[in-house]
């Protein structure tokens, strides 16, 4: 009788250990002609697996030589969990002109508690003079990924890996990876405040898709592949997040409300616009000593059936909070939480969450999650930069499609 239960128990424990191991590390093989076979990550190590016939390898982390030899693998250990690292890899003799590559990857996070599925997703980007390689941890339930380069779709892949061989050294590239999966358990939340909207949404469940968008912005490849011997200048960061409605009129999904319509902003994406539902601007001083939040809420205007103004009111901005500010020698990080109610009706709040990592080197890694209503626009400035860099823009899909949008954007300098 005892043996009858011991064997299934051992099997269960073994399965659990395997699952834990998968959480702590990832290993994805590169194509055959890559000089490296694979890159493996754990919470405190990054392991490179080489193709020995390629010759001598030299690896620099953040400009410092950490390995030289012909071993089939090298382990960079004692690293911080959930942290991005930049490696330069030279292949071949010092006497000639060695092949040079740059690899941007990260260790695994110790805990994955964020509602944004992309925030702790390990992403690896490999740069050479002749190709750009990108890999990411697969997203459960996603069957295919669409790849865009500078706004143009160039590929559809089923694996979480893509190599672009049609690149030029003097061109800046922005790659975007799009994916989606059906949103399950729409009616799981029994919050009475949202029940009316969810009933309307349930009529069109086929349109409720959870979306994912990963963006990588690259400087010209020739600039990326240069040596890291220039000192970094301390510069100010400015982060801007606005919500608004691109439509002029919004029909209230709550049919029992006296306000049948709300006035929208009726505009397109524009960081300079003064029309918005809400705005949050975060400024990080050059030395990182101060991270301050400026916030504002637009006026909500409610109209009757004949679109005659009945009442206008401004919601509280207490739901816009800057949290978990961390200031270090190399970077400043923070979390921006946003939850703002409609002040005229009992409708679901406009919620979003953003985690930003802003580095002294000019590298940034920013991840956010929001529902697909209303319109969202996110921008960034660094130093004396005059125009805003667009990080994320999402059009309103309507209250019946309030599925999450997960997004993440980072650069490679």
Protein backbone atom coordinates (compact mmCIF):
# COMPACT_ATOMS: atom_id res chain seq x y z
CA UNK A 1 0.00 0.00 0.00
CA UNK A 2 2.84 2.37 0.89
CA UNK A 3 4.60 1.86 -2.47
CA UNK A 4 1.33 2.57 -4.25
CA UNK A 5 1.43 6.19 -3.06
CA UNK A 6 5.19 6.80 -2.95
CA UNK A 7 5.75 6.41 -6.70
CA UNK A 8 3.07 9.00 -7.71
CA UNK A 9 4.40 11.33 -4.98
CA UNK A 10 7.97 11.12 -6.32
CA UNK A 11 6.67 11.75 -9.83
CA UNK A 12 4.74 14.80 -8.61
CA UNK A 13 7.79 16.22 -6.83
CA UNK A 14 9.93 15.66 -9.91
CA UNK A 15 7.41 17.46 -12.10
CA UNK A 16 7.32 20.39 -9.67
CA UNK A 17 11.13 20.66 -9.66
CA UNK A 18 11.19 20.68 -13.46
CA UNK A 19 8.60 23.48 -13.54
CA UNK A 20 10.58 25.52 -11.00
CA UNK A 21 13.72 25.05 -13.10
CA UNK A 22 11.92 26.31 -16.18
CA UNK A 23 10.91 29.43 -14.30
CA UNK A 24 14.47 30.14 -13.27
CA UNK A 25 16.18 29.74 -16.62
CA UNK A 26 15.67 29.80 -20.35
CA UNK A 27 17.81 28.40 -23.14
CA UNK A 28 17.00 28.91 -26.80
CA UNK A 29 19.21 27.65 -29.64
CA UNK A 30 20.42 30.04 -32.34
CA UNK A 31 20.53 29.21 -36.08
CA UNK A 32 23.32 26.99 -37.37
CA UNK A 33 25.48 29.75 -38.85
CA UNK A 34 25.56 31.82 -35.65
CA UNK A 35 28.98 31.89 -33.93
CA UNK A 36 27.22 31.24 -30.62
CA UNK A 37 24.99 28.23 -30.10
CA UNK A 38 22.79 29.64 -27.39
CA UNK A 39 22.52 32.03 -24.45
CA UNK A 40 21.19 30.66 -21.17
CA UNK A 41 19.92 32.80 -18.31
CA UNK A 42 19.22 32.15 -14.62
CA UNK A 43 18.53 34.60 -11.82
CA UNK A 44 22.24 35.35 -11.28
CA UNK A 45 24.07 33.93 -14.31
CA UNK A 46 24.28 34.41 -18.07
CA UNK A 47 25.90 31.50 -19.93
CA UNK A 48 27.21 31.71 -23.48
CA UNK A 49 27.55 28.49 -25.51
CA UNK A 50 29.99 28.81 -28.43
CA UNK A 51 30.77 26.94 -31.61
CA UNK A 52 34.36 25.86 -30.97
CA UNK A 53 35.39 25.85 -34.63
CA UNK A 54 34.98 29.63 -34.75
CA UNK A 55 38.25 30.20 -32.85
CA UNK A 56 39.08 32.50 -29.95
CA UNK A 57 36.27 34.40 -28.23
CA UNK A 58 36.69 37.59 -26.20
CA UNK A 59 33.75 38.81 -24.13
CA UNK A 60 33.45 42.29 -22.64
CA UNK A 61 30.68 43.26 -20.21
CA UNK A 62 29.97 46.99 -20.10
CA UNK A 63 33.39 47.56 -21.75
CA UNK A 64 35.45 45.35 -19.36
CA UNK A 65 37.13 42.16 -20.62
CA UNK A 66 35.72 39.23 -18.63
CA UNK A 67 36.68 36.23 -20.80
CA UNK A 68 39.17 35.22 -23.50
CA UNK A 69 39.58 31.67 -24.76
CA UNK A 70 38.33 28.81 -26.91
CA UNK A 71 36.09 27.00 -24.42
CA UNK A 72 32.72 25.81 -25.59
CA UNK A 73 30.93 27.85 -22.93
CA UNK A 74 31.46 30.74 -20.53
CA UNK A 75 29.42 31.62 -17.43
CA UNK A 76 29.15 35.19 -16.21
CA UNK A 77 28.09 34.77 -12.59
CA UNK A 78 27.21 36.76 -9.46
CA UNK A 79 24.85 39.00 -11.45
CA UNK A 80 21.79 40.82 -10.16
CA UNK A 81 18.39 39.18 -10.82
CA UNK A 82 16.14 40.77 -13.42
CA UNK A 83 18.89 43.08 -14.72
CA UNK A 84 19.87 43.89 -18.32
CA UNK A 85 23.53 43.56 -19.34
CA UNK A 86 25.41 44.59 -22.48
CA UNK A 87 28.13 42.32 -23.89
CA UNK A 88 30.61 42.84 -26.71
CA UNK A 89 31.85 39.62 -28.31
CA UNK A 90 34.93 39.54 -30.56
CA UNK A 91 35.65 36.41 -32.56
CA UNK A 92 39.04 35.69 -34.10
CA UNK A 93 42.66 36.73 -33.68
CA UNK A 94 43.65 40.12 -32.24
CA UNK A 95 46.10 40.53 -35.14
CA UNK A 96 43.49 40.65 -37.86
CA UNK A 97 40.06 42.26 -37.92
CA UNK A 98 37.93 40.20 -35.55
CA UNK A 99 34.23 39.72 -36.10
CA UNK A 100 32.38 41.87 -33.59
CA UNK A 101 28.93 41.37 -32.12
CA UNK A 102 26.96 42.99 -29.34
CA UNK A 103 24.51 41.12 -27.15
CA UNK A 104 21.92 42.75 -24.91
CA UNK A 105 20.24 40.30 -22.54
CA UNK A 106 19.15 39.98 -18.93
CA UNK A 107 19.08 37.65 -15.97
CA UNK A 108 15.77 36.09 -14.89
CA UNK A 109 13.66 37.85 -12.28
CA UNK A 110 13.35 36.17 -8.89
CA UNK A 111 9.60 36.78 -8.72
CA UNK A 112 7.09 37.45 -11.48
CA UNK A 113 4.18 39.13 -9.77
CA UNK A 114 3.46 41.93 -12.25
CA UNK A 115 0.18 41.84 -14.16
CA UNK A 116 2.20 42.84 -17.23
CA UNK A 117 3.31 39.55 -18.81
CA UNK A 118 6.16 41.33 -20.64
CA UNK A 119 7.73 43.19 -17.73
CA UNK A 120 9.99 40.33 -16.61
CA UNK A 121 10.14 38.55 -19.97
CA UNK A 122 13.78 37.84 -20.89
CA UNK A 123 14.61 39.50 -24.20
CA UNK A 124 17.89 39.07 -26.06
CA UNK A 125 19.09 41.18 -28.98
CA UNK A 126 22.20 40.29 -31.00
CA UNK A 127 23.77 42.89 -33.30
CA UNK A 128 26.44 42.44 -35.99
CA UNK A 129 27.30 44.28 -39.19
CA UNK A 130 25.17 41.90 -41.22
CA UNK A 131 22.18 40.95 -39.08
CA UNK A 132 19.91 41.76 -36.16
CA UNK A 133 18.77 38.78 -34.10
CA UNK A 134 15.96 38.96 -31.54
CA UNK A 135 14.59 36.36 -29.15
CA UNK A 136 12.11 36.51 -26.31
CA UNK A 137 10.46 34.12 -23.92
CA UNK A 138 7.38 32.57 -25.55
CA UNK A 139 3.99 33.84 -24.39
CA UNK A 140 1.63 31.08 -23.31
CA UNK A 141 -1.37 30.77 -25.62
CA UNK A 142 0.21 32.77 -28.47
CA UNK A 143 0.45 30.84 -31.76
CA UNK A 144 2.26 33.39 -33.92
CA UNK A 145 4.16 36.68 -33.75
CA UNK A 146 4.07 39.48 -36.33
CA UNK A 147 7.38 41.31 -36.88
CA UNK A 148 7.49 44.93 -38.03
CA UNK A 149 10.56 46.98 -38.97
CA UNK A 150 10.20 50.77 -39.10
CA UNK A 151 6.43 50.38 -39.27
CA UNK A 152 6.37 47.82 -42.11
CA UNK A 153 5.47 44.19 -41.56
CA UNK A 154 8.36 41.96 -42.64
CA UNK A 155 7.67 38.54 -41.11
CA UNK A 156 5.34 36.19 -39.27
CA UNK A 157 6.95 33.58 -37.03
CA UNK A 158 5.69 30.79 -34.79
CA UNK A 159 8.84 30.53 -32.68
CA UNK A 160 9.92 33.31 -30.35
CA UNK A 161 12.99 34.10 -32.44
CA UNK A 162 13.66 36.26 -35.49
CA UNK A 163 16.76 37.19 -37.52
CA UNK A 164 16.78 40.12 -39.93
CA UNK A 165 19.60 39.76 -42.48
CA UNK A 166 18.53 42.70 -44.65
CA UNK A 167 20.11 45.49 -42.63
CA UNK A 168 22.44 48.41 -43.30
CA UNK A 169 24.99 49.83 -40.91
CA UNK A 170 24.02 53.51 -41.19
CA UNK A 171 20.26 53.11 -40.62
CA UNK A 172 18.27 53.39 -37.40
CA UNK A 173 15.81 50.54 -36.97
CA UNK A 174 12.74 50.10 -34.77
CA UNK A 175 11.47 46.54 -34.48
CA UNK A 176 8.05 45.67 -33.09
CA UNK A 177 6.77 42.23 -32.19
CA UNK A 178 2.97 41.90 -32.02
CA UNK A 179 0.99 39.01 -30.59
CA UNK A 180 -2.46 38.35 -29.19
CA UNK A 181 -4.45 35.60 -27.55
CA UNK A 182 -8.14 35.20 -26.57
CA UNK A 183 -9.05 36.71 -23.23
CA UNK A 184 -10.55 34.11 -20.92
CA UNK A 185 -12.95 34.36 -18.00
CA UNK A 186 -14.44 37.71 -18.90
CA UNK A 187 -17.14 37.27 -16.28
CA UNK A 188 -14.78 36.04 -13.56
CA UNK A 189 -14.78 39.39 -11.77
CA UNK A 190 -18.14 39.88 -10.04
CA UNK A 191 -17.62 43.56 -9.18
CA UNK A 192 -21.07 45.11 -9.39
CA UNK A 193 -19.63 48.39 -10.62
CA UNK A 194 -18.45 46.71 -13.83
CA UNK A 195 -21.34 44.30 -14.37
CA UNK A 196 -23.30 46.50 -16.78
CA UNK A 197 -20.28 47.05 -19.03
CA UNK A 198 -19.29 43.36 -18.91
CA UNK A 199 -22.76 42.25 -20.03
CA UNK A 200 -22.40 44.46 -23.09
CA UNK A 201 -18.86 43.19 -23.66
CA UNK A 202 -19.95 39.54 -23.41
CA UNK A 203 -22.07 39.94 -26.54
CA UNK A 204 -18.87 40.30 -28.53
CA UNK A 205 -16.46 37.91 -26.81
CA UNK A 206 -14.77 36.99 -30.08
CA UNK A 207 -13.37 40.52 -30.26
CA UNK A 208 -11.89 40.36 -26.74
CA UNK A 209 -8.20 39.67 -27.42
CA UNK A 210 -5.37 40.20 -24.98
CA UNK A 211 -2.62 42.02 -26.90
CA UNK A 212 1.15 42.15 -26.58
CA UNK A 213 3.61 44.56 -28.14
CA UNK A 214 7.41 44.49 -27.74
CA UNK A 215 9.45 47.32 -29.26
CA UNK A 216 13.23 47.57 -29.69
CA UNK A 217 14.73 50.86 -30.92
CA UNK A 218 18.22 50.58 -32.43
CA UNK A 219 20.79 53.26 -33.11
CA UNK A 220 22.66 52.77 -36.43
CA UNK A 221 24.43 49.41 -36.24
CA UNK A 222 27.84 50.99 -36.92
CA UNK A 223 27.38 53.21 -33.85
CA UNK A 224 26.26 50.30 -31.66
CA UNK A 225 29.30 48.22 -32.62
CA UNK A 226 31.82 50.88 -31.60
CA UNK A 227 33.90 50.47 -28.45
CA UNK A 228 32.40 51.63 -25.14
CA UNK A 229 35.15 54.03 -24.14
CA UNK A 230 33.30 57.34 -24.06
CA UNK A 231 32.19 58.68 -20.63
CA UNK A 232 28.44 59.09 -20.17
CA UNK A 233 27.09 62.59 -19.65
CA UNK A 234 24.41 62.99 -17.00
CA UNK A 235 21.18 64.19 -18.63
CA UNK A 236 17.61 64.88 -17.60
CA UNK A 237 14.82 62.40 -18.41
CA UNK A 238 11.24 63.44 -19.17
CA UNK A 239 8.45 60.84 -19.33
CA UNK A 240 4.95 61.71 -20.58
CA UNK A 241 1.76 59.61 -20.46
CA UNK A 242 -1.64 60.86 -21.66
CA UNK A 243 -5.07 59.29 -21.95
CA UNK A 244 -7.70 60.78 -24.24
CA UNK A 245 -10.52 59.91 -26.64
CA UNK A 246 -9.93 60.32 -30.35
CA UNK A 247 -13.69 60.43 -30.89
CA UNK A 248 -15.72 63.61 -30.48
CA UNK A 249 -18.70 61.85 -28.88
CA UNK A 250 -18.80 58.79 -26.60
CA UNK A 251 -22.03 56.88 -26.01
CA UNK A 252 -22.49 55.88 -22.38
CA UNK A 253 -22.72 52.06 -22.06
CA UNK A 254 -24.81 52.54 -18.90
CA UNK A 255 -28.29 52.90 -20.39
CA UNK A 256 -29.79 53.82 -17.01
CA UNK A 257 -27.63 56.94 -16.70
CA UNK A 258 -29.05 60.44 -17.29
CA UNK A 259 -25.84 61.17 -19.22
CA UNK A 260 -26.31 59.43 -22.55
CA UNK A 261 -23.14 60.89 -24.10
CA UNK A 262 -19.77 62.20 -23.00
CA UNK A 263 -17.64 64.66 -24.92
CA UNK A 264 -14.40 63.27 -26.28
CA UNK A 265 -11.23 65.13 -27.21
CA UNK A 266 -11.69 64.40 -30.93
CA UNK A 267 -7.98 64.41 -31.79
CA UNK A 268 -5.15 62.19 -32.95
CA UNK A 269 -1.90 61.31 -31.21
CA UNK A 270 -0.09 64.51 -30.25
CA UNK A 271 2.27 64.96 -27.26
CA UNK A 272 1.78 68.75 -27.37
CA UNK A 273 -2.04 68.66 -27.21
CA UNK A 274 -3.73 70.35 -24.25
CA UNK A 275 -6.83 68.15 -24.64
CA UNK A 276 -6.76 64.96 -22.59
CA UNK A 277 -8.56 62.84 -20.03
CA UNK A 278 -5.44 62.71 -17.88
CA UNK A 279 -1.75 63.53 -18.10
CA UNK A 280 1.20 62.36 -16.03
CA UNK A 281 4.65 63.85 -16.61
CA UNK A 282 7.68 62.59 -14.71
CA UNK A 283 10.97 64.48 -14.64
CA UNK A 284 14.22 62.88 -13.44
CA UNK A 285 16.99 65.39 -12.78
CA UNK A 286 20.43 64.79 -14.41
CA UNK A 287 22.05 63.54 -11.19
CA UNK A 288 19.01 61.42 -10.33
CA UNK A 289 18.55 63.23 -7.01
CA UNK A 290 14.92 64.16 -7.75
CA UNK A 291 12.11 62.32 -9.51
CA UNK A 292 8.96 64.42 -9.54
CA UNK A 293 5.45 63.86 -10.87
CA UNK A 294 3.30 66.53 -12.52
CA UNK A 295 -0.31 65.44 -13.11
CA UNK A 296 -3.60 66.86 -14.31
CA UNK A 297 -7.15 65.70 -15.09
CA UNK A 298 -9.34 67.00 -17.90
CA UNK A 299 -12.97 68.00 -17.42
CA UNK A 300 -15.68 65.36 -18.00
CA UNK A 301 -18.79 66.69 -19.76
CA UNK A 302 -22.06 64.74 -19.65
CA UNK A 303 -24.86 65.23 -22.23
CA UNK A 304 -28.45 64.10 -22.55
CA UNK A 305 -30.09 62.19 -25.39
CA UNK A 306 -30.22 65.32 -27.57
CA UNK A 307 -26.55 66.06 -26.79
CA UNK A 308 -27.35 69.04 -24.64
CA UNK A 309 -24.83 69.66 -21.85
CA UNK A 310 -26.24 68.55 -18.48
CA UNK A 311 -23.23 68.64 -16.18
CA UNK A 312 -19.43 68.87 -16.15
CA UNK A 313 -17.02 67.84 -13.44
CA UNK A 314 -13.33 67.09 -12.92
CA UNK A 315 -12.26 63.81 -11.35
CA UNK A 316 -9.75 63.59 -8.51
CA UNK A 317 -6.10 63.10 -9.43
CA UNK A 318 -5.37 61.10 -6.25
CA UNK A 319 -5.41 57.91 -8.31
CA UNK A 320 -2.24 58.95 -10.17
CA UNK A 321 0.66 57.91 -7.99
CA UNK A 322 4.44 57.62 -8.39
CA UNK A 323 5.74 54.65 -6.40
CA UNK A 324 8.82 52.52 -5.71
CA UNK A 325 11.35 55.16 -6.77
CA UNK A 326 14.87 53.69 -6.72
CA UNK A 327 17.95 55.78 -7.42
CA UNK A 328 21.31 54.13 -8.05
CA UNK A 329 24.66 55.00 -9.57
CA UNK A 330 23.66 53.68 -13.00
CA UNK A 331 19.88 54.10 -13.19
CA UNK A 332 16.64 55.48 -11.79
CA UNK A 333 13.54 53.31 -11.72
CA UNK A 334 9.93 53.99 -10.73
CA UNK A 335 6.36 52.71 -11.05
CA UNK A 336 3.53 54.93 -12.24
CA UNK A 337 0.06 53.77 -11.22
CA UNK A 338 -3.08 55.36 -12.66
CA UNK A 339 -6.71 54.76 -11.65
CA UNK A 340 -9.13 57.58 -12.46
CA UNK A 341 -12.93 57.31 -12.25
CA UNK A 342 -15.54 59.01 -14.40
CA UNK A 343 -16.83 61.67 -11.96
CA UNK A 344 -20.36 61.68 -13.46
CA UNK A 345 -21.17 57.97 -13.67
CA UNK A 346 -20.37 54.66 -12.00
CA UNK A 347 -18.23 53.26 -14.82
CA UNK A 348 -14.97 51.28 -14.71
CA UNK A 349 -11.95 53.41 -13.91
CA UNK A 350 -9.24 54.13 -16.47
CA UNK A 351 -6.38 52.04 -15.13
CA UNK A 352 -2.78 51.61 -16.21
CA UNK A 353 0.55 50.69 -14.68
CA UNK A 354 4.05 51.51 -15.97
CA UNK A 355 7.47 50.47 -14.70
CA UNK A 356 10.39 52.51 -16.06
CA UNK A 357 14.14 51.92 -15.85
CA UNK A 358 16.14 54.93 -17.03
CA UNK A 359 19.93 54.51 -17.24
CA UNK A 360 22.67 57.11 -17.15
CA UNK A 361 24.07 55.58 -20.36
CA UNK A 362 20.92 56.55 -22.28
CA UNK A 363 19.50 53.03 -22.23
CA UNK A 364 15.86 52.70 -21.17
CA UNK A 365 13.51 49.79 -20.58
CA UNK A 366 9.86 50.67 -19.97
CA UNK A 367 6.92 48.28 -19.63
CA UNK A 368 3.23 49.03 -19.17
CA UNK A 369 -0.21 47.45 -19.15
CA UNK A 370 -3.60 49.05 -19.75
CA UNK A 371 -7.06 48.16 -21.01
CA UNK A 372 -7.78 48.90 -24.65
CA UNK A 373 -9.84 51.98 -23.86
CA UNK A 374 -9.51 54.97 -24.09
CA UNK A 375 -6.61 56.12 -26.31
CA UNK A 376 -3.16 55.95 -24.68
CA UNK A 377 0.04 57.75 -25.73
CA UNK A 378 3.47 57.55 -24.09
CA UNK A 379 6.58 59.61 -24.89
CA UNK A 380 10.14 60.16 -23.65
CA UNK A 381 12.85 62.84 -23.84
CA UNK A 382 16.52 62.63 -22.87
CA UNK A 383 18.78 65.63 -22.33
CA UNK A 384 18.43 68.50 -24.79
CA UNK A 385 16.31 66.41 -27.14
CA UNK A 386 13.68 68.78 -28.58
CA UNK A 387 11.07 66.38 -29.92
CA UNK A 388 9.47 63.54 -28.01
CA UNK A 389 10.40 59.94 -28.75
CA UNK A 390 7.22 57.91 -29.20
CA UNK A 391 7.24 54.88 -26.92
CA UNK A 392 3.68 53.60 -27.20
CA UNK A 393 0.39 54.58 -28.84
CA UNK A 394 -2.85 52.62 -28.53
CA UNK A 395 -6.21 53.47 -30.08
CA UNK A 396 -9.49 53.09 -28.23
CA UNK A 397 -11.15 49.73 -28.99
CA UNK A 398 -14.35 50.61 -27.09
CA UNK A 399 -15.62 49.58 -23.66
CA UNK A 400 -16.88 46.26 -25.02
CA UNK A 401 -13.26 45.29 -25.72
CA UNK A 402 -11.63 46.15 -22.42
CA UNK A 403 -9.01 43.43 -22.69
CA UNK A 404 -5.45 44.14 -21.46
CA UNK A 405 -2.73 45.53 -23.69
CA UNK A 406 0.77 44.58 -22.51
CA UNK A 407 3.59 46.65 -23.95
CA UNK A 408 7.32 47.02 -23.46
CA UNK A 409 9.87 49.23 -25.22
CA UNK A 410 13.64 49.47 -24.86
CA UNK A 411 16.56 50.74 -26.90
CA UNK A 412 20.01 49.61 -27.97
CA UNK A 413 22.70 52.29 -28.11
